[in-house]
């Protein structure tokens, strides 16, 4: 059974509008946090200010996650037979949205460890990767909030492609003559970008995959 079929049970209800509004704001916050970390690596944004801004936004993300969970638990306690499965799916994707914020904080930590600005070939590599992942945020929002199968499929395909690129770059880094600091930091950035894309892919998978296959697309899970 597909989630977009299950969610029709909630269509037209104030409850659904509240949940989707909160979730959309979580994704918007995640996108803002991601753009902030992009600025750290590619625009040399002030780390002290970025840290404060990310912390403030992360608090909002966590509060919204708890609010959604509270609403879901209260709702299914009154409608246990009809809506439990849909509520569990929302619980799952909400956790994915929250984890995006965590990876943005991880990216900030890497920026603090990096001894020199990203330059040369690797600057071009990360500029492309950050941009490719950034594009997935609005697509993921429309995929889930509007249950757009077309956008969900595009997110999943891009997630898969980005994972391949990040894996390939890790191999290049392992054989490079970069300084230990640069090699370690670049490897972590590649891994974290892959994970952000994967969490967006997980959310999109709820739209096109049967409920028991959410988070799975092709053989991606076996390659993470």
Protein backbone atom coordinates (compact mmCIF):
# COMPACT_ATOMS: atom_id res chain seq x y z
CA UNK A 1 0.00 0.00 0.00
CA UNK A 2 1.32 3.46 -0.92
CA UNK A 3 1.46 6.34 1.55
CA UNK A 4 -0.22 8.70 -0.90
CA UNK A 5 -3.21 6.34 -0.79
CA UNK A 6 -3.20 6.26 3.00
CA UNK A 7 -2.94 10.02 3.33
CA UNK A 8 -6.20 10.47 1.44
CA UNK A 9 -7.88 9.46 4.69
CA UNK A 10 -6.67 12.77 6.12
CA UNK A 11 -7.45 14.97 3.12
CA UNK A 12 -9.65 17.91 3.97
CA UNK A 13 -8.92 17.66 7.69
CA UNK A 14 -7.46 20.49 9.73
CA UNK A 15 -5.18 17.91 11.34
CA UNK A 16 -3.49 17.11 8.02
CA UNK A 17 -3.01 20.77 7.17
CA UNK A 18 -1.31 21.37 10.52
CA UNK A 19 1.00 18.37 10.12
CA UNK A 20 1.99 19.22 6.56
CA UNK A 21 2.58 22.87 7.44
CA UNK A 22 4.90 21.91 10.30
CA UNK A 23 6.72 19.36 8.17
CA UNK A 24 7.15 21.80 5.29
CA UNK A 25 8.66 24.31 7.71
CA UNK A 26 11.06 21.63 8.95
CA UNK A 27 12.25 21.07 5.39
CA UNK A 28 12.53 24.82 4.80
CA UNK A 29 14.64 25.12 7.95
CA UNK A 30 16.78 22.22 6.79
CA UNK A 31 17.31 23.94 3.45
CA UNK A 32 18.30 27.16 5.19
CA UNK A 33 20.79 25.29 7.39
CA UNK A 34 22.21 23.54 4.35
CA UNK A 35 22.70 26.82 2.50
CA UNK A 36 24.45 28.22 5.55
CA UNK A 37 26.93 25.33 5.61
CA UNK A 38 27.43 25.75 1.87
CA UNK A 39 28.45 29.34 2.57
CA UNK A 40 31.05 28.16 5.07
CA UNK A 41 32.86 26.06 2.48
CA UNK A 42 32.37 28.10 -0.67
CA UNK A 43 31.95 31.68 0.53
CA UNK A 44 34.10 31.56 3.67
CA UNK A 45 31.23 32.72 5.87
CA UNK A 46 32.04 33.70 9.46
CA UNK A 47 32.10 30.48 11.50
CA UNK A 48 31.14 32.06 14.83
CA UNK A 49 28.00 33.65 13.42
CA UNK A 50 27.17 30.53 11.39
CA UNK A 51 27.42 28.36 14.51
CA UNK A 52 24.99 30.61 16.39
CA UNK A 53 22.58 30.77 13.46
CA UNK A 54 22.60 26.99 12.95
CA UNK A 55 22.04 26.32 16.63
CA UNK A 56 19.06 28.67 16.72
CA UNK A 57 17.49 27.11 13.62
CA UNK A 58 18.18 23.57 14.84
CA UNK A 59 16.22 24.29 18.02
CA UNK A 60 13.23 25.24 15.84
CA UNK A 61 13.55 22.03 13.83
CA UNK A 62 13.60 19.91 16.98
CA UNK A 63 10.60 21.71 18.46
CA UNK A 64 8.60 21.15 15.29
CA UNK A 65 9.53 17.47 15.26
CA UNK A 66 8.27 17.07 18.83
CA UNK A 67 5.10 19.00 18.03
CA UNK A 68 4.35 16.75 15.05
CA UNK A 69 4.93 13.62 17.13
CA UNK A 70 2.65 14.89 19.87
CA UNK A 71 -0.12 15.66 17.38
CA UNK A 72 0.24 12.25 15.73
CA UNK A 73 0.15 10.31 18.99
CA UNK A 74 -2.88 12.22 20.17
CA UNK A 75 -4.63 11.72 16.84
CA UNK A 76 -4.09 7.98 16.47
CA UNK A 77 -5.07 7.40 20.08
CA UNK A 78 -8.54 8.54 19.02
CA UNK A 79 -8.46 6.84 15.58
CA UNK A 80 -6.30 3.73 16.07
CA UNK A 81 -7.79 1.48 13.41
CA UNK A 82 -7.87 3.79 10.40
CA UNK A 83 -4.81 5.99 10.60
CA UNK A 84 -1.98 4.26 12.46
CA UNK A 85 0.01 3.28 9.36
CA UNK A 86 -0.08 6.78 7.86
CA UNK A 87 0.98 8.23 11.20
CA UNK A 88 3.93 5.86 11.42
CA UNK A 89 5.07 6.90 7.95
CA UNK A 90 4.94 10.57 8.94
CA UNK A 91 6.94 9.72 12.08
CA UNK A 92 9.59 8.15 9.86
CA UNK A 93 9.97 11.05 7.43
CA UNK A 94 9.94 13.60 10.23
CA UNK A 95 12.99 11.88 11.70
CA UNK A 96 14.67 12.11 8.29
CA UNK A 97 14.00 15.86 8.22
CA UNK A 98 15.46 16.23 11.71
CA UNK A 99 18.58 14.29 10.77
CA UNK A 100 19.29 16.72 7.92
CA UNK A 101 19.80 19.42 10.53
CA UNK A 102 22.22 17.17 12.39
CA UNK A 103 24.32 16.64 9.27
CA UNK A 104 24.39 20.38 8.63
CA UNK A 105 25.87 20.79 12.11
CA UNK A 106 28.38 18.06 11.27
CA UNK A 107 29.35 20.00 8.14
CA UNK A 108 29.89 23.09 10.29
CA UNK A 109 32.22 21.08 12.53
CA UNK A 110 34.25 20.05 9.48
CA UNK A 111 34.47 23.69 8.45
CA UNK A 112 35.93 24.47 11.86
CA UNK A 113 38.54 21.73 11.44
CA UNK A 114 39.59 22.74 7.94
CA UNK A 115 42.94 24.55 8.05
CA UNK A 116 42.73 26.18 4.61
CA UNK A 117 39.83 27.26 2.37
CA UNK A 118 38.71 24.76 -0.25
CA UNK A 119 40.39 25.65 -3.53
CA UNK A 120 41.19 24.43 -7.02
CA UNK A 121 39.59 21.29 -8.37
CA UNK A 122 37.97 20.38 -5.06
CA UNK A 123 36.26 23.73 -4.81
CA UNK A 124 34.60 23.01 -8.16
CA UNK A 125 33.68 19.48 -7.03
CA UNK A 126 32.02 20.65 -3.82
CA UNK A 127 30.35 23.62 -5.48
CA UNK A 128 28.60 21.19 -7.84
CA UNK A 129 27.73 18.70 -5.10
CA UNK A 130 26.32 21.33 -2.75
CA UNK A 131 24.24 22.75 -5.60
CA UNK A 132 22.98 19.32 -6.66
CA UNK A 133 21.84 18.50 -3.12
CA UNK A 134 20.34 21.95 -2.61
CA UNK A 135 18.05 21.49 -5.61
CA UNK A 136 16.51 18.44 -3.93
CA UNK A 137 14.98 20.42 -1.06
CA UNK A 138 12.14 22.15 -2.97
CA UNK A 139 11.56 18.99 -4.99
CA UNK A 140 11.24 16.95 -1.81
CA UNK A 141 8.81 19.43 -0.30
CA UNK A 142 6.53 19.35 -3.33
CA UNK A 143 6.89 15.58 -3.61
CA UNK A 144 5.65 15.00 -0.08
CA UNK A 145 3.29 17.89 0.61
CA UNK A 146 1.62 17.62 -2.81
CA UNK A 147 2.23 13.85 -3.13
CA UNK A 148 3.91 14.50 -6.48
CA UNK A 149 5.07 11.17 -7.88
CA UNK A 150 7.08 12.90 -10.62
CA UNK A 151 9.08 15.02 -8.18
CA UNK A 152 9.57 12.10 -5.81
CA UNK A 153 10.99 9.96 -8.60
CA UNK A 154 13.37 12.74 -9.61
CA UNK A 155 14.62 13.12 -6.02
CA UNK A 156 15.26 9.38 -5.76
CA UNK A 157 17.15 9.28 -9.03
CA UNK A 158 19.29 12.27 -8.04
CA UNK A 159 19.93 10.78 -4.61
CA UNK A 160 21.24 7.65 -6.27
CA UNK A 161 23.46 9.64 -8.66
CA UNK A 162 24.83 11.88 -5.90
CA UNK A 163 25.68 8.80 -3.82
CA UNK A 164 27.70 7.42 -6.73
CA UNK A 165 29.57 10.71 -7.16
CA UNK A 166 30.36 10.95 -3.44
CA UNK A 167 31.61 7.36 -3.35
CA UNK A 168 33.81 8.02 -6.37
CA UNK A 169 35.28 11.12 -4.73
CA UNK A 170 36.12 9.15 -1.60
CA UNK A 171 38.16 6.78 -3.75
CA UNK A 172 39.97 9.72 -5.32
CA UNK A 173 40.70 11.20 -1.90
CA UNK A 174 42.10 7.91 -0.63
CA UNK A 175 44.69 7.99 -3.42
CA UNK A 176 45.40 11.73 -3.35
CA UNK A 177 48.47 13.59 -2.14
CA UNK A 178 46.45 16.16 -0.21
CA UNK A 179 47.47 17.06 3.31
CA UNK A 180 45.97 14.81 6.01
CA UNK A 181 43.79 17.68 7.19
CA UNK A 182 42.36 18.38 3.74
CA UNK A 183 41.90 14.70 2.86
CA UNK A 184 40.02 13.91 6.09
CA UNK A 185 37.85 17.03 5.92
CA UNK A 186 37.00 16.56 2.25
CA UNK A 187 36.13 12.91 2.87
CA UNK A 188 33.76 13.90 5.68
CA UNK A 189 32.12 16.55 3.51
CA UNK A 190 31.56 13.96 0.76
CA UNK A 191 30.03 11.54 3.24
CA UNK A 192 27.77 14.12 4.88
CA UNK A 193 26.52 15.44 1.54
CA UNK A 194 25.67 11.89 0.57
CA UNK A 195 23.72 11.45 3.82
CA UNK A 196 21.75 14.69 3.40
CA UNK A 197 20.72 13.56 -0.10
CA UNK A 198 19.84 10.12 1.27
CA UNK A 199 17.50 11.55 3.92
CA UNK A 200 15.76 13.65 1.28
CA UNK A 201 15.49 10.49 -0.80
CA UNK A 202 13.97 8.65 2.15
CA UNK A 203 11.27 11.30 2.42
CA UNK A 204 10.56 11.12 -1.31
CA UNK A 205 10.38 7.32 -1.17
CA UNK A 206 7.27 7.61 1.01
CA UNK A 207 5.41 8.96 -2.02
CA UNK A 208 6.30 6.26 -4.57
CA UNK A 209 7.22 3.17 -2.57
CA UNK A 210 4.93 0.74 -0.74
CA UNK A 211 4.97 1.48 2.99
CA UNK A 212 7.16 -1.53 3.82
CA UNK A 213 9.78 -0.35 1.30
CA UNK A 214 10.08 3.27 2.42
CA UNK A 215 13.80 4.25 2.67
CA UNK A 216 14.66 1.70 -0.04
CA UNK A 217 15.22 2.45 -3.71
CA UNK A 218 17.00 -0.02 -5.95
CA UNK A 219 19.93 -1.38 -3.99
CA UNK A 220 20.87 1.94 -2.38
CA UNK A 221 20.47 0.64 1.18
CA UNK A 222 23.03 -2.07 0.63
CA UNK A 223 25.54 0.52 -0.60
CA UNK A 224 25.32 3.07 2.23
